[in-house]
Amino acid sequence: MVDDDGSGGTGRIDFEADSSDSALVIAQGHARARSIELWEGAFLVGSLNKAGPELWQLS
């Protein structure tokens, strides 16, 4: 899920990755400067939040 997709709500981007580190790289590219949640099915894997220039917080 991507927060604030430009319409004032959230958006969803489905993708597949070969590994968890590849998934983070792909998600970061889609996030741009927005916060995102990473899900695998119904399981919340974590979230990425833009903490500063070139700095992301993973939780």
N, C-alpha and C. Protein backbone atom coordinates (compact mmCIF):
# COMPACT_ATOMS: atom_id res chain seq x y z
N MET A 1 0.84 -1.17 0.00
CA MET A 1 0.00 0.00 0.00
C MET A 1 0.89 1.23 0.00
N VAL A 2 0.51 2.20 -0.79
CA VAL A 2 1.25 3.45 -0.88
C VAL A 2 0.36 4.56 -0.34
N ASP A 3 0.85 5.31 0.65
CA ASP A 3 0.09 6.43 1.20
C ASP A 3 0.06 7.58 0.21
N ASP A 4 -1.08 8.27 0.15
CA ASP A 4 -1.26 9.47 -0.66
C ASP A 4 -0.77 9.27 -2.09
N ASP A 5 -1.57 8.62 -2.88
CA ASP A 5 -1.22 8.36 -4.28
C ASP A 5 -1.54 9.53 -5.20
N GLY A 6 -1.77 10.72 -4.63
CA GLY A 6 -2.08 11.89 -5.43
C GLY A 6 -3.56 12.20 -5.44
N SER A 7 -4.38 11.23 -5.06
CA SER A 7 -5.82 11.45 -5.03
C SER A 7 -6.32 11.65 -3.60
N GLY A 8 -5.38 11.74 -2.66
CA GLY A 8 -5.75 11.92 -1.27
C GLY A 8 -5.99 10.63 -0.53
N GLY A 9 -5.79 9.50 -1.17
CA GLY A 9 -6.02 8.20 -0.53
C GLY A 9 -4.78 7.33 -0.61
N THR A 10 -5.02 6.04 -0.59
CA THR A 10 -3.92 5.09 -0.71
C THR A 10 -4.03 4.37 -2.04
N GLY A 11 -2.92 3.84 -2.48
CA GLY A 11 -2.90 3.07 -3.71
C GLY A 11 -2.28 1.72 -3.44
N ARG A 12 -2.44 0.83 -4.37
CA ARG A 12 -1.90 -0.52 -4.24
C ARG A 12 -1.06 -0.82 -5.47
N ILE A 13 0.12 -1.36 -5.23
CA ILE A 13 1.01 -1.77 -6.30
C ILE A 13 1.37 -3.23 -6.04
N ASP A 14 1.02 -4.11 -6.95
CA ASP A 14 1.37 -5.53 -6.82
C ASP A 14 2.64 -5.80 -7.61
N PHE A 15 3.58 -6.51 -7.00
CA PHE A 15 4.79 -6.90 -7.71
C PHE A 15 5.35 -8.17 -7.08
N GLU A 16 6.22 -8.84 -7.80
CA GLU A 16 6.90 -10.02 -7.30
C GLU A 16 8.39 -9.74 -7.29
N ALA A 17 9.09 -10.30 -6.31
CA ALA A 17 10.54 -10.13 -6.22
C ALA A 17 11.16 -11.49 -5.88
N ASP A 18 12.41 -11.66 -6.29
CA ASP A 18 13.12 -12.92 -6.05
C ASP A 18 13.54 -13.09 -4.60
N SER A 19 13.72 -11.97 -3.89
CA SER A 19 14.17 -12.03 -2.49
C SER A 19 13.65 -10.81 -1.74
N SER A 20 13.79 -10.84 -0.42
CA SER A 20 13.30 -9.72 0.38
C SER A 20 14.08 -8.44 0.11
N ASP A 21 15.39 -8.54 -0.13
CA ASP A 21 16.15 -7.32 -0.43
C ASP A 21 15.76 -6.75 -1.79
N SER A 22 15.45 -7.61 -2.74
CA SER A 22 14.96 -7.14 -4.04
C SER A 22 13.61 -6.46 -3.89
N ALA A 23 12.76 -7.00 -3.01
CA ALA A 23 11.45 -6.40 -2.76
C ALA A 23 11.59 -5.00 -2.18
N LEU A 24 12.55 -4.80 -1.28
CA LEU A 24 12.77 -3.47 -0.70
C LEU A 24 13.23 -2.47 -1.75
N VAL A 25 14.10 -2.89 -2.65
CA VAL A 25 14.58 -2.00 -3.72
C VAL A 25 13.42 -1.61 -4.63
N ILE A 26 12.61 -2.59 -5.01
CA ILE A 26 11.45 -2.32 -5.87
C ILE A 26 10.47 -1.39 -5.16
N ALA A 27 10.17 -1.68 -3.90
CA ALA A 27 9.23 -0.86 -3.13
C ALA A 27 9.73 0.57 -2.97
N GLN A 28 11.02 0.72 -2.71
CA GLN A 28 11.59 2.07 -2.56
C GLN A 28 11.43 2.86 -3.85
N GLY A 29 11.61 2.22 -4.98
CA GLY A 29 11.44 2.89 -6.26
C GLY A 29 10.01 3.35 -6.49
N HIS A 30 9.05 2.55 -6.05
CA HIS A 30 7.64 2.93 -6.19
C HIS A 30 7.23 3.98 -5.17
N ALA A 31 7.88 3.99 -4.01
CA ALA A 31 7.49 4.89 -2.93
C ALA A 31 7.80 6.34 -3.23
N ARG A 32 8.90 6.59 -3.91
CA ARG A 32 9.40 7.95 -4.10
C ARG A 32 9.55 8.61 -2.74
N ALA A 33 8.77 9.61 -2.40
CA ALA A 33 8.89 10.28 -1.09
C ALA A 33 7.70 9.95 -0.19
N ARG A 34 7.01 8.85 -0.49
CA ARG A 34 5.81 8.49 0.27
C ARG A 34 6.10 7.32 1.21
N SER A 35 5.26 7.15 2.20
CA SER A 35 5.34 6.00 3.08
C SER A 35 4.62 4.83 2.43
N ILE A 36 5.16 3.62 2.65
CA ILE A 36 4.52 2.44 2.09
C ILE A 36 4.51 1.31 3.11
N GLU A 37 3.57 0.40 2.94
CA GLU A 37 3.51 -0.83 3.71
C GLU A 37 3.78 -1.98 2.75
N LEU A 38 4.56 -2.95 3.21
CA LEU A 38 4.85 -4.14 2.41
C LEU A 38 4.05 -5.31 2.97
N TRP A 39 3.27 -5.94 2.11
CA TRP A 39 2.42 -7.06 2.51
C TRP A 39 2.77 -8.29 1.69
N GLU A 40 2.70 -9.44 2.32
CA GLU A 40 2.77 -10.71 1.60
C GLU A 40 1.47 -11.43 1.91
N GLY A 41 0.54 -11.34 0.97
CA GLY A 41 -0.80 -11.84 1.21
C GLY A 41 -1.47 -11.00 2.29
N ALA A 42 -1.95 -11.65 3.35
CA ALA A 42 -2.61 -10.94 4.45
C ALA A 42 -1.64 -10.57 5.57
N PHE A 43 -0.34 -10.85 5.38
CA PHE A 43 0.66 -10.63 6.42
C PHE A 43 1.43 -9.33 6.15
N LEU A 44 1.40 -8.40 7.12
CA LEU A 44 2.17 -7.16 7.02
C LEU A 44 3.63 -7.47 7.29
N VAL A 45 4.48 -7.28 6.28
CA VAL A 45 5.91 -7.57 6.40
C VAL A 45 6.63 -6.41 7.07
N GLY A 46 6.28 -5.19 6.73
CA GLY A 46 6.92 -4.01 7.31
C GLY A 46 6.50 -2.76 6.57
N SER A 47 7.14 -1.65 6.91
CA SER A 47 6.83 -0.39 6.24
C SER A 47 8.10 0.40 5.99
N LEU A 48 8.05 1.24 4.98
CA LEU A 48 9.15 2.15 4.63
C LEU A 48 8.64 3.57 4.77
N ASN A 49 9.39 4.40 5.46
CA ASN A 49 9.03 5.80 5.64
C ASN A 49 10.22 6.67 5.27
N LYS A 50 9.98 7.70 4.48
CA LYS A 50 11.04 8.63 4.10
C LYS A 50 11.42 9.45 5.33
N ALA A 51 12.67 9.29 5.82
CA ALA A 51 13.12 9.96 7.03
C ALA A 51 13.96 11.19 6.73
N GLY A 52 14.45 11.32 5.51
CA GLY A 52 15.28 12.45 5.11
C GLY A 52 15.85 12.19 3.74
N PRO A 53 16.60 13.14 3.21
CA PRO A 53 17.22 12.93 1.90
C PRO A 53 18.10 11.68 1.92
N GLU A 54 17.84 10.77 1.01
CA GLU A 54 18.60 9.53 0.90
C GLU A 54 18.54 8.67 2.16
N LEU A 55 17.51 8.84 2.99
CA LEU A 55 17.39 8.08 4.23
C LEU A 55 15.97 7.54 4.38
N TRP A 56 15.86 6.23 4.52
CA TRP A 56 14.57 5.57 4.70
C TRP A 56 14.56 4.85 6.04
N GLN A 57 13.41 4.85 6.70
CA GLN A 57 13.24 4.13 7.95
C GLN A 57 12.42 2.89 7.65
N LEU A 58 12.95 1.73 8.01
CA LEU A 58 12.27 0.46 7.82
C LEU A 58 11.77 -0.03 9.16
N SER A 59 10.49 -0.34 9.22
CA SER A 59 9.95 -0.87 10.48
C SER A 59 9.04 -2.04 10.19
